[in-house]
Protein backbone atom coordinates (compact mmCIF):
# COMPACT_ATOMS: atom_id res chain seq x y z
CA MET A 1 -65.97 96.28 43.68
CA PRO A 2 -62.97 94.67 41.93
CA THR A 3 -60.51 92.54 44.37
CA ARG A 4 -57.48 94.37 43.08
CA LEU A 5 -58.97 97.65 44.90
CA VAL A 6 -58.74 95.78 48.69
CA PRO A 7 -55.03 96.01 49.53
CA PRO A 8 -54.90 99.74 48.82
CA LEU A 9 -58.40 100.19 50.69
CA LEU A 10 -56.87 98.33 53.73
CA ALA A 11 -53.78 100.37 53.49
CA LEU A 12 -56.01 103.53 53.66
CA ALA A 13 -58.13 102.39 56.53
CA GLY A 14 -55.07 101.30 58.62
CA THR A 15 -53.66 105.40 57.73
CA ILE A 16 -57.37 106.87 58.89
CA ALA A 17 -57.31 104.54 61.88
CA ILE A 18 -53.99 105.35 63.20
CA LEU A 19 -54.82 109.09 62.66
CA ALA A 20 -58.37 108.71 64.41
CA LEU A 21 -57.37 106.40 66.99
CA ALA A 22 -54.09 108.24 67.83
CA GLY A 23 -53.78 111.60 66.43
CA THR A 24 -51.10 113.56 65.05
CA ASP A 25 -48.65 112.75 67.84
CA ALA A 26 -48.11 109.20 66.26
CA TRP A 27 -46.68 110.47 62.95
CA PRO A 28 -43.55 108.32 63.66
CA LEU A 29 -46.05 105.41 63.36
CA LEU A 30 -48.04 106.80 60.67
CA LEU A 31 -44.32 107.80 58.84
CA ALA A 32 -43.54 103.74 59.35
CA TRP A 33 -46.99 102.49 58.47
CA THR A 34 -47.03 104.69 54.76
CA THR A 35 -43.76 103.63 54.24
CA ALA A 36 -44.18 99.88 54.97
CA THR A 37 -47.49 100.02 52.12
CA ALA A 38 -45.25 101.92 49.53
CA ALA A 39 -42.83 99.35 49.82
CA VAL A 40 -45.44 96.68 49.63
CA ALA A 41 -47.18 98.68 46.93
CA LEU A 42 -43.62 99.05 44.76
CA ALA A 43 -42.54 95.63 45.17
CA ALA A 44 -45.55 93.96 44.00
CA ARG A 45 -45.27 95.83 40.44
CA THR A 46 -41.72 94.09 40.34
CA ARG A 47 -40.22 90.92 39.78
CA ARG A 48 -40.35 87.94 41.59
CA ARG A 49 -37.10 87.78 43.11
CA THR A 50 -37.52 91.71 44.42
CA ARG A 51 -40.72 90.76 46.04
CA GLN A 52 -39.10 88.06 47.85
CA LEU A 53 -36.48 90.26 49.17
CA THR A 54 -38.82 93.18 50.25
CA GLY A 55 -40.76 90.83 51.80
CA THR A 56 -37.92 89.41 53.86
CA ALA A 57 -36.20 92.94 54.41
CA LEU A 58 -39.82 94.09 55.72
CA ALA A 59 -40.12 90.83 58.25
CA ILE A 60 -36.80 91.44 59.63
CA ALA A 61 -37.65 94.99 60.42
CA CYS A 62 -41.04 93.93 61.98
CA LEU A 63 -39.16 91.45 64.11
CA ALA A 64 -36.56 94.28 64.91
CA LEU A 65 -39.13 96.71 65.72
CA THR A 66 -41.56 94.87 67.88
CA TRP A 67 -38.89 93.33 70.12
CA GLU A 68 -38.75 94.66 73.63
CA GLY A 69 -41.41 97.79 72.60
CA GLY A 70 -39.84 98.44 69.20
CA LEU A 71 -42.37 100.70 67.35
CA PHE A 72 -44.44 101.56 69.92
CA LEU A 73 -41.04 102.51 72.02
CA LEU A 74 -40.01 105.01 69.08
CA PRO A 75 -42.71 107.47 69.12
CA SER A 76 -42.35 107.81 72.94
CA ALA A 77 -38.41 108.22 72.75
CA ILE A 78 -38.80 110.90 69.75
CA ALA A 79 -41.13 112.92 71.73
CA LEU A 80 -38.67 112.68 74.84
CA ALA A 81 -35.88 113.52 72.94
CA THR A 82 -37.60 116.56 71.18
CA SER A 83 -39.49 117.75 73.85
CA PRO A 84 -38.09 121.29 75.38
CA GLY A 85 -36.44 120.89 78.73
CA GLU A 86 -38.59 121.91 81.68
């Protein structure tokens, strides 16, 4: 297997793992995962400066989303905000 196929296969495995383990209820997490994967894939084909800026932006987003529950808190917050009242 060519080594350049490893990153796309890992990204696909991550997507499948999210769907298999969390189901369709985790669509915000799946959307964030797919967006980050697409950003990295696009940045890998650009100039060095763009790769550095993309990496920095993703690192900042990762820190912001994982602080105090962050990314795992977002799906529950969206579910609470969009659920019909009882």
